[in-house]
């Protein structure tokens, strides 16, 4: 039986600026995405129906019904093609679930790439990006990879140049956080403070640091408007951030809506030392070192293409 395998990366948000709440319930964002070397693997196998199974460390936390974003992606792709197709998707989970690293979006992007190849559709990347944008705000970047700035809901992407590699340590918290709950808490805190929320703007100094490979400046410019809300909901994360800073992290931030915390390191050895130290914390379920940017998903066949 022919199958297609894709490896799709996690992301960290090096800038997440959240504008005021819009009438449609969304926020305008400036979201600087950075793909890192923590990967899920999505395997699409020939089948009569679209189904999914999940294996790996986080498998027990991933739905295998219609709530799975990879199933939704495969169905959306088949609908776009105007035909009925089947595929059994096997997701090998390494990206933390509900951890602010876009694991579900990564699986959706992987399913789009794998099924496009398995079914011989030959749809161009632009078509896949259009489908991805309808699935969720982070799915287009999961399809793109590298480093990019997202505007609108985060789905309008412009690729960003980078120099060299940046090295990271990630502290995965016990349990997850709901993205919707974190945004709602952010809105409540802003309303309570009575502040006028400005329209988000790209941090030019941060973009320059990415372009020149200046890790020290990038670490100093890391920003996340959702961090205060995430820390309110999970106050123990303050200890995690403080521990990483004490170990010399160039920057420390809650990743996306959390609760994973990201720490920028000086080099690969420093990233591993950070991960080793963070793994000893009672607030940390697991810690790992990674680098970025890395590319988005690319298909590979396990047998000759028919």
Protein backbone atom coordinates (compact mmCIF):
# COMPACT_ATOMS: atom_id res chain seq x y z
CA UNK A 1 0.00 0.00 0.00
CA UNK A 2 1.41 3.38 -1.00
CA UNK A 3 1.79 6.06 1.64
CA UNK A 4 3.13 9.59 1.87
CA UNK A 5 5.00 10.93 4.88
CA UNK A 6 5.58 14.56 5.76
CA UNK A 7 7.43 16.07 8.68
CA UNK A 8 5.97 19.36 9.85
CA UNK A 9 7.50 21.75 12.42
CA UNK A 10 6.27 23.49 15.52
CA UNK A 11 6.45 27.26 15.83
CA UNK A 12 7.35 29.91 18.34
CA UNK A 13 6.00 33.45 18.18
CA UNK A 14 8.86 35.91 18.59
CA UNK A 15 6.40 38.79 18.39
CA UNK A 16 2.68 38.45 19.10
CA UNK A 17 0.97 41.83 19.20
CA UNK A 18 -2.79 41.70 19.68
CA UNK A 19 -5.00 44.54 18.54
CA UNK A 20 -8.47 45.46 19.78
CA UNK A 21 -11.35 43.02 19.55
CA UNK A 22 -13.10 43.26 16.17
CA UNK A 23 -16.82 43.01 15.48
CA UNK A 24 -16.34 39.50 14.07
CA UNK A 25 -14.84 38.28 17.35
CA UNK A 26 -11.25 38.16 16.10
CA UNK A 27 -8.31 40.45 16.80
CA UNK A 28 -5.99 42.05 14.30
CA UNK A 29 -2.52 40.65 14.93
CA UNK A 30 1.10 41.20 14.15
CA UNK A 31 2.42 37.69 14.57
CA UNK A 32 6.06 36.96 13.79
CA UNK A 33 6.25 33.19 13.38
CA UNK A 34 9.45 31.15 13.57
CA UNK A 35 9.44 27.43 12.72
CA UNK A 36 11.60 25.27 14.98
CA UNK A 37 13.02 21.75 14.87
CA UNK A 38 10.30 20.04 16.90
CA UNK A 39 8.37 17.93 14.42
CA UNK A 40 5.19 15.94 14.06
CA UNK A 41 5.14 13.31 11.34
CA UNK A 42 1.95 12.81 9.34
CA UNK A 43 1.61 9.65 7.25
CA UNK A 44 -1.25 9.41 4.72
CA UNK A 45 -2.14 5.88 3.64
CA UNK A 46 -4.60 4.71 1.01
CA UNK A 47 -8.05 4.05 2.50
CA UNK A 48 -11.72 4.16 1.58
CA UNK A 49 -12.52 6.77 4.22
CA UNK A 50 -10.80 9.70 5.94
CA UNK A 51 -9.72 8.54 9.40
CA UNK A 52 -6.93 9.30 11.83
CA UNK A 53 -4.88 7.58 14.52
CA UNK A 54 -2.30 9.15 16.78
CA UNK A 55 0.83 7.71 18.36
CA UNK A 56 3.58 9.23 20.48
CA UNK A 57 4.05 10.92 23.83
CA UNK A 58 1.02 13.22 23.52
CA UNK A 59 -1.31 10.78 21.72
CA UNK A 60 -3.78 10.42 24.58
CA UNK A 61 -4.53 14.16 24.39
CA UNK A 62 -5.40 14.29 20.68
CA UNK A 63 -8.95 13.65 19.40
CA UNK A 64 -9.39 11.04 16.68
CA UNK A 65 -12.89 12.14 15.67
CA UNK A 66 -14.18 15.09 13.66
CA UNK A 67 -12.54 17.46 16.14
CA UNK A 68 -9.11 16.53 14.79
CA UNK A 69 -7.84 19.36 12.59
CA UNK A 70 -5.97 16.95 10.30
CA UNK A 71 -9.27 15.20 9.44
CA UNK A 72 -10.85 18.59 8.79
CA UNK A 73 -7.92 19.48 6.51
CA UNK A 74 -8.19 16.28 4.49
CA UNK A 75 -11.94 16.75 4.05
CA UNK A 76 -11.50 20.38 3.04
CA UNK A 77 -8.91 19.33 0.46
CA UNK A 78 -11.22 16.67 -1.00
CA UNK A 79 -14.08 19.18 -1.13
CA UNK A 80 -11.84 21.70 -2.90
CA UNK A 81 -10.95 19.03 -5.47
CA UNK A 82 -14.63 18.24 -5.96
CA UNK A 83 -14.31 14.48 -5.43
CA UNK A 84 -14.62 11.89 -2.70
CA UNK A 85 -11.28 10.59 -1.44
CA UNK A 86 -10.12 8.46 1.45
CA UNK A 87 -6.96 8.40 3.53
CA UNK A 88 -5.92 7.00 6.86
CA UNK A 89 -3.76 9.57 8.61
CA UNK A 90 -1.25 8.40 11.20
CA UNK A 91 0.09 11.28 13.30
CA UNK A 92 3.31 10.72 15.21
CA UNK A 93 3.12 13.40 17.91
CA UNK A 94 6.19 15.14 19.23
CA UNK A 95 4.84 18.71 19.33
CA UNK A 96 3.16 19.39 22.70
CA UNK A 97 -0.64 19.46 22.66
CA UNK A 98 -2.40 22.72 23.62
CA UNK A 99 1.06 24.14 24.31
CA UNK A 100 1.15 27.28 22.18
CA UNK A 101 3.39 25.68 19.51
CA UNK A 102 0.69 25.09 16.85
CA UNK A 103 0.74 21.30 17.03
CA UNK A 104 -2.79 20.90 15.71
CA UNK A 105 -2.15 23.40 12.94
CA UNK A 106 1.04 21.54 12.03
CA UNK A 107 -0.92 18.30 11.67
CA UNK A 108 -3.48 20.03 9.46
CA UNK A 109 -0.72 21.39 7.23
CA UNK A 110 0.89 17.96 7.09
CA UNK A 111 -2.42 16.39 6.09
CA UNK A 112 -2.88 18.91 3.26
CA UNK A 113 0.57 18.21 1.82
CA UNK A 114 0.37 14.43 2.28
CA UNK A 115 -3.12 14.01 0.84
CA UNK A 116 -2.44 16.34 -2.08
CA UNK A 117 0.40 13.98 -3.00
CA UNK A 118 -1.36 10.70 -2.14
CA UNK A 119 -4.42 11.58 -4.19
CA UNK A 120 -2.34 12.89 -7.10
CA UNK A 121 -4.16 16.21 -7.09
CA UNK A 122 -1.15 18.32 -7.96
CA UNK A 123 -2.73 21.41 -6.45
CA UNK A 124 -0.35 24.39 -6.33
CA UNK A 125 0.93 25.75 -3.05
CA UNK A 126 -1.34 28.78 -3.37
CA UNK A 127 -4.43 26.56 -3.34
CA UNK A 128 -3.20 24.73 -0.24
CA UNK A 129 -2.59 28.07 1.46
CA UNK A 130 -6.14 29.18 0.68
CA UNK A 131 -7.55 26.01 2.25
CA UNK A 132 -5.19 26.39 5.20
CA UNK A 133 -6.46 29.91 5.91
CA UNK A 134 -10.01 28.61 6.25
CA UNK A 135 -8.90 25.96 8.75
CA UNK A 136 -7.25 28.26 11.28
CA UNK A 137 -5.02 31.28 11.76
CA UNK A 138 -1.83 29.27 12.36
CA UNK A 139 -2.29 26.66 9.61
CA UNK A 140 -0.93 28.79 6.74
CA UNK A 141 2.35 29.37 8.56
CA UNK A 142 2.61 25.68 9.46
CA UNK A 143 2.40 25.05 5.72
CA UNK A 144 4.99 27.72 4.92
CA UNK A 145 7.63 27.24 7.61
CA UNK A 146 10.75 29.37 7.94
CA UNK A 147 10.15 32.79 9.47
CA UNK A 148 7.27 35.08 8.50
CA UNK A 149 5.13 37.93 9.74
CA UNK A 150 1.40 37.31 9.82
CA UNK A 151 -1.20 40.06 9.83
CA UNK A 152 -5.00 40.08 9.84
CA UNK A 153 -5.85 37.07 12.00
CA UNK A 154 -2.27 35.94 11.40
CA UNK A 155 -3.05 34.17 8.12
CA UNK A 156 -1.78 36.93 5.76
CA UNK A 157 1.88 36.00 5.55
CA UNK A 158 5.04 37.67 4.34
CA UNK A 159 8.27 35.70 4.49
CA UNK A 160 11.11 37.26 6.45
CA UNK A 161 14.84 36.91 5.77
CA UNK A 162 17.01 35.48 8.54
CA UNK A 163 20.71 34.90 8.96
CA UNK A 164 22.05 31.69 10.50
CA UNK A 165 20.21 29.69 13.14
CA UNK A 166 18.66 30.66 16.44
CA UNK A 167 18.78 28.19 19.30
CA UNK A 168 15.93 27.58 21.70
CA UNK A 169 14.92 25.66 24.79
CA UNK A 170 11.26 24.89 25.41
CA UNK A 171 9.71 24.07 28.77
CA UNK A 172 6.50 22.10 28.34
CA UNK A 173 4.09 22.67 31.23
CA UNK A 174 1.89 20.16 32.94
CA UNK A 175 -1.50 20.36 31.19
CA UNK A 176 -2.57 22.71 28.40
CA UNK A 177 -4.26 26.04 27.89
CA UNK A 178 -7.19 26.87 25.63
CA UNK A 179 -6.29 29.52 23.07
CA UNK A 180 -9.84 30.91 23.20
CA UNK A 181 -9.68 31.12 27.01
CA UNK A 182 -6.37 33.00 26.92
CA UNK A 183 -7.68 35.53 24.39
CA UNK A 184 -10.81 36.00 26.48
CA UNK A 185 -8.71 36.60 29.60
CA UNK A 186 -6.59 39.11 27.67
CA UNK A 187 -9.75 41.00 26.69
CA UNK A 188 -11.02 40.97 30.28
CA UNK A 189 -7.75 42.33 31.64
CA UNK A 190 -7.65 45.10 29.05
CA UNK A 191 -11.26 46.09 29.74
CA UNK A 192 -10.64 46.09 33.48
CA UNK A 193 -7.56 48.29 33.06
CA UNK A 194 -9.53 50.71 30.88
CA UNK A 195 -6.69 51.11 28.41
CA UNK A 196 -7.16 51.96 24.76
CA UNK A 197 -5.65 49.10 22.78
CA UNK A 198 -3.51 50.33 19.86
CA UNK A 199 -3.42 48.71 16.45
CA UNK A 200 -0.50 46.31 16.37
CA UNK A 201 2.72 47.30 14.62
CA UNK A 202 5.70 45.28 13.47
CA UNK A 203 8.79 45.73 15.66
CA UNK A 204 11.42 46.84 13.15
CA UNK A 205 14.28 46.21 15.60
CA UNK A 206 13.13 42.62 16.01
CA UNK A 207 12.98 42.12 12.24
CA UNK A 208 16.47 43.56 11.92
CA UNK A 209 17.74 41.13 14.56
CA UNK A 210 16.25 38.20 12.65
CA UNK A 211 17.74 39.47 9.41
CA UNK A 212 21.26 39.89 10.81
CA UNK A 213 21.27 36.84 13.11
CA UNK A 214 21.60 39.01 16.23
CA UNK A 215 20.39 36.64 18.95
CA UNK A 216 21.06 39.05 21.82
CA UNK A 217 18.86 41.77 20.32
CA UNK A 218 16.18 39.25 19.34
CA UNK A 219 16.09 37.95 22.91
CA UNK A 220 15.62 41.48 24.26
CA UNK A 221 12.80 42.21 21.77
CA UNK A 222 10.69 39.07 22.31
CA UNK A 223 7.13 40.12 23.07
CA UNK A 224 3.77 38.43 23.58
CA UNK A 225 0.61 40.40 24.38
CA UNK A 226 -1.06 37.19 25.55
CA UNK A 227 1.59 36.46 28.15
CA UNK A 228 -0.06 38.40 31.00
CA UNK A 229 -3.31 36.52 30.44
CA UNK A 230 -1.54 33.15 30.29
CA UNK A 231 0.32 33.91 33.52
CA UNK A 232 -2.94 34.90 35.22
CA UNK A 233 -4.46 31.57 34.26
CA UNK A 234 -1.28 29.62 35.05
CA UNK A 235 0.71 31.65 37.62
CA UNK A 236 3.21 28.83 38.15
CA UNK A 237 4.68 29.68 34.74
CA UNK A 238 6.32 32.74 36.33
CA UNK A 239 8.66 30.34 38.11
CA UNK A 240 9.52 28.65 34.84
CA UNK A 241 10.34 31.95 33.11
CA UNK A 242 12.44 33.09 36.07
CA UNK A 243 14.38 29.81 36.09
CA UNK A 244 15.29 30.16 32.42
CA UNK A 245 16.44 33.73 32.93
CA UNK A 246 18.57 32.60 35.88
CA UNK A 247 20.28 30.12 33.54
CA UNK A 248 21.31 32.94 31.22
CA UNK A 249 18.57 32.83 28.58
CA UNK A 250 18.86 35.75 26.16
CA UNK A 251 15.08 36.02 26.20
CA UNK A 252 12.19 34.25 27.91
CA UNK A 253 8.58 34.25 26.77
CA UNK A 254 5.35 32.29 26.88
CA UNK A 255 4.96 30.72 23.44
CA UNK A 256 1.74 31.88 21.78
CA UNK A 257 -1.22 31.22 24.06
CA UNK A 258 0.94 28.97 26.25
CA UNK A 259 1.58 27.24 28.49
CA UNK A 260 4.87 26.20 26.85
CA UNK A 261 7.65 28.68 27.66
CA UNK A 262 10.38 29.47 25.11
CA UNK A 263 13.93 30.55 25.92
CA UNK A 264 16.38 31.94 23.39
CA UNK A 265 19.90 30.61 23.91
CA UNK A 266 23.31 31.84 22.86
CA UNK A 267 24.16 28.63 20.99
CA UNK A 268 23.25 24.94 20.73
CA UNK A 269 25.19 23.94 23.87
CA UNK A 270 23.52 26.68 25.88
CA UNK A 271 20.10 25.57 24.61
CA UNK A 272 20.76 22.03 25.81
CA UNK A 273 21.97 23.26 29.22
CA UNK A 274 18.81 25.34 29.53
CA UNK A 275 16.64 22.35 28.64
CA UNK A 276 18.46 20.15 31.17
CA UNK A 277 17.97 22.70 33.94
CA UNK A 278 14.33 23.39 33.09
CA UNK A 279 13.50 19.68 33.03
CA UNK A 280 14.19 19.56 36.78
CA UNK A 281 11.40 22.03 37.60
CA UNK A 282 8.19 20.67 39.15
CA UNK A 283 6.28 23.04 36.83
CA UNK A 284 7.81 21.38 33.75
CA UNK A 285 6.57 18.14 32.22
CA UNK A 286 9.36 18.03 29.65
CA UNK A 287 12.03 20.28 28.20
CA UNK A 288 13.78 20.15 24.86
CA UNK A 289 16.33 22.02 22.78
CA UNK A 290 15.67 23.05 19.17
CA UNK A 291 16.80 25.44 16.48
CA UNK A 292 15.16 27.54 13.79
CA UNK A 293 14.21 28.49 11.25
CA UNK A 294 13.33 25.20 9.56
CA UNK A 295 11.26 24.67 6.38
CA UNK A 296 7.63 23.66 6.18
CA UNK A 297 6.39 20.17 5.29
CA UNK A 298 7.66 18.35 2.21
CA UNK A 299 6.27 14.97 1.03
CA UNK A 300 8.18 11.71 0.66
CA UNK A 301 6.83 8.42 -0.70
CA UNK A 302 7.39 5.09 1.03
CA UNK A 303 6.86 3.28 -2.29
CA UNK A 304 7.05 4.41 -5.92
CA UNK A 305 4.35 6.85 -6.90
CA UNK A 306 1.65 5.08 -8.95
